[in-house]
C-alpha atoms as a PDB file:
ATOM      1  CA  MET A   1      17.228 -20.570 -23.306  1.00  0.00           C
ATOM      2  CA  GLU A   2      17.315 -16.920 -24.433  1.00  0.00           C
ATOM      3  CA  ILE A   3      17.356 -15.718 -20.837  1.00  0.00           C
ATOM      4  CA  THR A   4      20.374 -17.908 -20.085  1.00  0.00           C
ATOM      5  CA  ILE A   5      22.252 -16.537 -23.099  1.00  0.00           C
ATOM      6  CA  LEU A   6      21.397 -12.974 -22.102  1.00  0.00           C
ATOM      7  CA  HIS A   7      22.430 -13.631 -18.500  1.00  0.00           C
ATOM      8  CA  ASP A   8      25.755 -15.119 -19.609  1.00  0.00           C
ATOM      9  CA  TYR A   9      26.388 -12.142 -21.893  1.00  0.00           C
ATOM     10  CA  VAL A  10      25.621  -9.615 -19.158  1.00  0.00           C
ATOM     11  CA  THR A  11      27.694 -11.482 -16.586  1.00  0.00           C
ATOM     12  CA  SER A  12      30.684 -11.714 -18.921  1.00  0.00           C
ATOM     13  CA  HIS A  13      30.543  -7.974 -19.659  1.00  0.00           C
ATOM     14  CA  GLU A  14      29.657  -6.639 -16.192  1.00  0.00           C
ATOM     15  CA  GLN A  15      33.239  -5.879 -15.183  1.00  0.00           C
ATOM     16  CA  LYS A  16      33.961  -4.094 -18.454  1.00  0.00           C
ATOM     17  CA  TRP A  17      30.801  -1.999 -18.110  1.00  0.00           C
ATOM     18  CA  LEU A  18      31.574  -1.269 -14.478  1.00  0.00           C
ATOM     19  CA  GLU A  19      35.072  -0.061 -15.354  1.00  0.00           C
ATOM     20  CA  GLU A  20      33.745   2.052 -18.232  1.00  0.00           C
ATOM     21  CA  GLY A  21      31.166   3.567 -15.890  1.00  0.00           C
ATOM     22  CA  LYS A  22      33.825   4.372 -13.306  1.00  0.00           C
ATOM     23  CA  LEU A  23      36.006   5.999 -15.949  1.00  0.00           C
ATOM     24  CA  GLU A  24      33.096   7.994 -17.301  1.00  0.00           C
ATOM     25  CA  GLY A  25      32.206   9.094 -13.772  1.00  0.00           C
ATOM     26  CA  LYS A  26      35.776  10.181 -13.103  1.00  0.00           C
ATOM     27  CA  LEU A  27      35.872  12.185 -16.315  1.00  0.00           C
ATOM     28  CA  GLU A  28      32.553  13.841 -15.532  1.00  0.00           C
ATOM     29  CA  GLY A  29      33.778  14.570 -12.014  1.00  0.00           C
ATOM     30  CA  LYS A  30      36.959  16.145 -13.328  1.00  0.00           C
ATOM     31  CA  GLU A  31      35.026  18.356 -15.733  1.00  0.00           C
ATOM     32  CA  GLU A  32      32.626  19.370 -12.995  1.00  0.00           C
ATOM     33  CA  GLY A  33      35.558  20.128 -10.716  1.00  0.00           C
ATOM     34  CA  LYS A  34      37.219  22.243 -13.391  1.00  0.00           C
ATOM     35  CA  LEU A  35      34.036  24.261 -13.847  1.00  0.00           C
ATOM     36  CA  GLU A  36      33.666  24.775 -10.097  1.00  0.00           C
ATOM     37  CA  GLY A  37      37.274  25.973  -9.963  1.00  0.00           C
ATOM     38  CA  LYS A  38      36.719  28.429 -12.800  1.00  0.00           C
ATOM     39  CA  LEU A  39      33.580  29.768 -11.127  1.00  0.00           C
ATOM     40  CA  GLU A  40      35.450  30.247  -7.847  1.00  0.00           C
ATOM     41  CA  ILE A  41      38.247  32.096  -9.632  1.00  0.00           C
ATOM     42  CA  ALA A  42      35.695  34.296 -11.408  1.00  0.00           C
ATOM     43  CA  LYS A  43      33.995  35.133  -8.090  1.00  0.00           C
ATOM     44  CA  ASN A  44      37.320  36.076  -6.538  1.00  0.00           C
ATOM     45  CA  MET A  45      38.226  38.216  -9.529  1.00  0.00           C
ATOM     46  CA  GLN A  46      34.872  39.988  -9.290  1.00  0.00           C
ATOM     47  CA  LYS A  47      35.596  40.775  -5.635  1.00  0.00           C
ATOM     48  CA  GLU A  48      38.843  42.376  -6.803  1.00  0.00           C
ATOM     49  CA  ASN A  49      36.881  44.426  -9.383  1.00  0.00           C
ATOM     50  CA  TYR A  50      38.347  42.858 -12.507  1.00  0.00           C
ATOM     51  CA  PRO A  51      36.382  43.706 -15.672  1.00  0.00           C
ATOM     52  CA  ILE A  52      34.023  40.947 -16.804  1.00  0.00           C
ATOM     53  CA  LYS A  53      35.716  40.673 -20.191  1.00  0.00           C
ATOM     54  CA  GLU A  54      39.072  40.078 -18.517  1.00  0.00           C
ATOM     55  CA  ILE A  55      37.573  37.437 -16.214  1.00  0.00           C
ATOM     56  CA  ALA A  56      36.027  35.733 -19.248  1.00  0.00           C
ATOM     57  CA  LYS A  57      39.331  35.790 -21.109  1.00  0.00           C
ATOM     58  CA  ILE A  58      41.219  34.251 -18.202  1.00  0.00           C
ATOM     59  CA  THR A  59      38.645  31.667 -17.081  1.00  0.00           C
ATOM     60  CA  LYS A  60      37.192  30.854 -20.517  1.00  0.00           C
ATOM     61  CA  LEU A  61      33.698  31.375 -19.052  1.00  0.00           C
ATOM     62  CA  ASP A  62      31.135  33.374 -21.002  1.00  0.00           C
ATOM     63  CA  CYS A  63      30.238  36.882 -19.808  1.00  0.00           C
ATOM     64  CA  LYS A  64      26.616  35.960 -19.003  1.00  0.00           C
ATOM     65  CA  THR A  65      27.757  33.220 -16.640  1.00  0.00           C
ATOM     66  CA  ILE A  66      30.132  35.610 -14.905  1.00  0.00           C
ATOM     67  CA  GLU A  67      27.462  38.291 -14.577  1.00  0.00           C
ATOM     68  CA  LYS A  68      25.146  35.793 -12.861  1.00  0.00           C
ATOM     69  CA  LEU A  69      27.744  35.138 -10.152  1.00  0.00           C
ATOM     70  CA  LYS A  70      27.147  38.527  -8.500  1.00  0.00           C
END
């Protein structure tokens, strides 16, 4: 009996959980994409010999992260 109740509960909530998972994945993907974009900008700025502090100010990345890009 308990298994049937649990199965019914899971089945009735699967779509909701699936949608929440998709949304969470999209949000994580967007954040990851934003970070990748900032890192690419920082690399390009380094190539143009911008000071690390200026790169950090513009990209909102910390100086240690920028230094590691070299």
